[in-house]
Amino acid sequence: MEKLEGTMIQNLGIRLKCLGDLLYHEGPLLSHFVNEADECEHYFYKWSDCDDTCNRWIIFKVSENSLKYFLRKN
């Protein structure tokens, strides 16, 4: 497996509010967040890996249309 160098992000520049976990197995795997300043702005946190010191998450913005398709299982 290729070793990747990650970057710890202390501050995203936005405040996110968790709406809930979409996938869960012994902990959240995929969580849904919205921007507190603009609740039309949606983000997913996807758990990707961990080691002895930290968990690693991929954070990505999701359009409202993509979110609707996902929740409708399209």
C-alpha atoms as a PDB file:
ATOM      1  CA  MET A   1       0.000   0.000   0.000  1.00  0.00           C
ATOM      2  CA  GLU A   2       1.218   3.465  -0.832  1.00  0.00           C
ATOM      3  CA  LYS A   3       2.089   5.602   2.196  1.00  0.00           C
ATOM      4  CA  LEU A   4       0.447   9.043   2.002  1.00  0.00           C
ATOM      5  CA  GLU A   5       1.436  12.150   3.888  1.00  0.00           C
ATOM      6  CA  GLY A   6      -1.552  13.795   5.539  1.00  0.00           C
ATOM      7  CA  THR A   7      -2.112  17.299   6.811  1.00  0.00           C
ATOM      8  CA  MET A   8      -3.766  18.017  10.141  1.00  0.00           C
ATOM      9  CA  ILE A   9      -6.348  20.772   9.757  1.00  0.00           C
ATOM     10  CA  GLN A  10      -6.889  22.777  12.929  1.00  0.00           C
ATOM     11  CA  ASN A  11      -9.557  25.070  11.475  1.00  0.00           C
ATOM     12  CA  LEU A  12     -11.667  24.604   8.331  1.00  0.00           C
ATOM     13  CA  GLY A  13     -12.635  28.277   8.208  1.00  0.00           C
ATOM     14  CA  ILE A  14     -16.307  27.365   8.662  1.00  0.00           C
ATOM     15  CA  ARG A  15     -18.362  26.077  11.575  1.00  0.00           C
ATOM     16  CA  LEU A  16     -20.046  22.769  10.881  1.00  0.00           C
ATOM     17  CA  LYS A  17     -23.001  21.284  12.750  1.00  0.00           C
ATOM     18  CA  CYS A  18     -23.463  17.506  12.785  1.00  0.00           C
ATOM     19  CA  LEU A  19     -26.907  16.343  11.651  1.00  0.00           C
ATOM     20  CA  GLY A  20     -26.206  12.653  12.195  1.00  0.00           C
ATOM     21  CA  ASP A  21     -24.394   9.531  11.164  1.00  0.00           C
ATOM     22  CA  LEU A  22     -25.405   7.887   7.889  1.00  0.00           C
ATOM     23  CA  LEU A  23     -23.197   4.805   8.309  1.00  0.00           C
ATOM     24  CA  TYR A  24     -22.171   3.408  11.682  1.00  0.00           C
ATOM     25  CA  HIS A  25     -20.249   0.286  12.719  1.00  0.00           C
ATOM     26  CA  GLU A  26     -18.460   0.383  16.062  1.00  0.00           C
ATOM     27  CA  GLY A  27     -18.305   4.155  15.475  1.00  0.00           C
ATOM     28  CA  PRO A  28     -19.354   6.621  12.785  1.00  0.00           C
ATOM     29  CA  LEU A  29     -18.137   5.838   9.257  1.00  0.00           C
ATOM     30  CA  LEU A  30     -20.058   8.500   7.311  1.00  0.00           C
ATOM     31  CA  SER A  31     -21.509  11.588   8.992  1.00  0.00           C
ATOM     32  CA  HIS A  32     -23.593  14.446   7.606  1.00  0.00           C
ATOM     33  CA  PHE A  33     -22.767  18.051   8.541  1.00  0.00           C
ATOM     34  CA  VAL A  34     -24.097  21.459   7.490  1.00  0.00           C
ATOM     35  CA  ASN A  35     -22.474  24.867   7.588  1.00  0.00           C
ATOM     36  CA  GLU A  36     -23.925  26.779  10.560  1.00  0.00           C
ATOM     37  CA  ALA A  37     -23.879  30.022   8.546  1.00  0.00           C
ATOM     38  CA  ASP A  38     -25.549  28.480   5.464  1.00  0.00           C
ATOM     39  CA  GLU A  39     -27.535  25.304   6.075  1.00  0.00           C
ATOM     40  CA  CYS A  40     -27.825  24.721   2.316  1.00  0.00           C
ATOM     41  CA  GLU A  41     -24.111  23.849   2.363  1.00  0.00           C
ATOM     42  CA  HIS A  42     -23.717  20.118   3.128  1.00  0.00           C
ATOM     43  CA  TYR A  43     -20.581  18.161   4.015  1.00  0.00           C
ATOM     44  CA  PHE A  44     -19.786  14.509   4.599  1.00  0.00           C
ATOM     45  CA  TYR A  45     -17.094  13.246   6.942  1.00  0.00           C
ATOM     46  CA  LYS A  46     -15.947   9.779   5.845  1.00  0.00           C
ATOM     47  CA  TRP A  47     -13.765   7.779   8.198  1.00  0.00           C
ATOM     48  CA  SER A  48     -10.804   6.475   6.230  1.00  0.00           C
ATOM     49  CA  ASP A  49      -8.120   5.118   8.587  1.00  0.00           C
ATOM     50  CA  CYS A  50      -6.596   5.185  12.034  1.00  0.00           C
ATOM     51  CA  ASP A  51      -3.389   4.407  13.864  1.00  0.00           C
ATOM     52  CA  ASP A  52      -2.298   4.463  17.501  1.00  0.00           C
ATOM     53  CA  THR A  53      -2.553   8.251  17.710  1.00  0.00           C
ATOM     54  CA  CYS A  54      -5.443   9.447  15.546  1.00  0.00           C
ATOM     55  CA  ASN A  55      -8.394   8.761  13.271  1.00  0.00           C
ATOM     56  CA  ARG A  56      -8.303  10.036   9.699  1.00  0.00           C
ATOM     57  CA  TRP A  57     -11.317  11.548   7.994  1.00  0.00           C
ATOM     58  CA  ILE A  58     -12.000  12.693   4.455  1.00  0.00           C
ATOM     59  CA  ILE A  59     -14.175  15.826   4.454  1.00  0.00           C
ATOM     60  CA  PHE A  60     -15.981  16.751   1.274  1.00  0.00           C
ATOM     61  CA  LYS A  61     -18.734  19.120   0.218  1.00  0.00           C
ATOM     62  CA  VAL A  62     -21.910  17.565  -1.205  1.00  0.00           C
ATOM     63  CA  SER A  63     -24.457  19.331  -3.404  1.00  0.00           C
ATOM     64  CA  GLU A  64     -28.095  19.271  -2.313  1.00  0.00           C
ATOM     65  CA  ASN A  65     -29.024  17.300  -5.454  1.00  0.00           C
ATOM     66  CA  SER A  66     -26.361  14.668  -4.751  1.00  0.00           C
ATOM     67  CA  LEU A  67     -27.555  14.436  -1.155  1.00  0.00           C
ATOM     68  CA  LYS A  68     -31.159  13.914  -2.283  1.00  0.00           C
ATOM     69  CA  TYR A  69     -30.095  11.185  -4.731  1.00  0.00           C
ATOM     70  CA  PHE A  70     -28.030   9.490  -2.025  1.00  0.00           C
ATOM     71  CA  LEU A  71     -30.855   9.558   0.553  1.00  0.00           C
ATOM     72  CA  ARG A  72     -33.317   8.225  -2.040  1.00  0.00           C
ATOM     73  CA  LYS A  73     -30.827   5.411  -2.833  1.00  0.00           C
ATOM     74  CA  ASN A  74     -30.481   6.507  -6.484  1.00  0.00           C
END
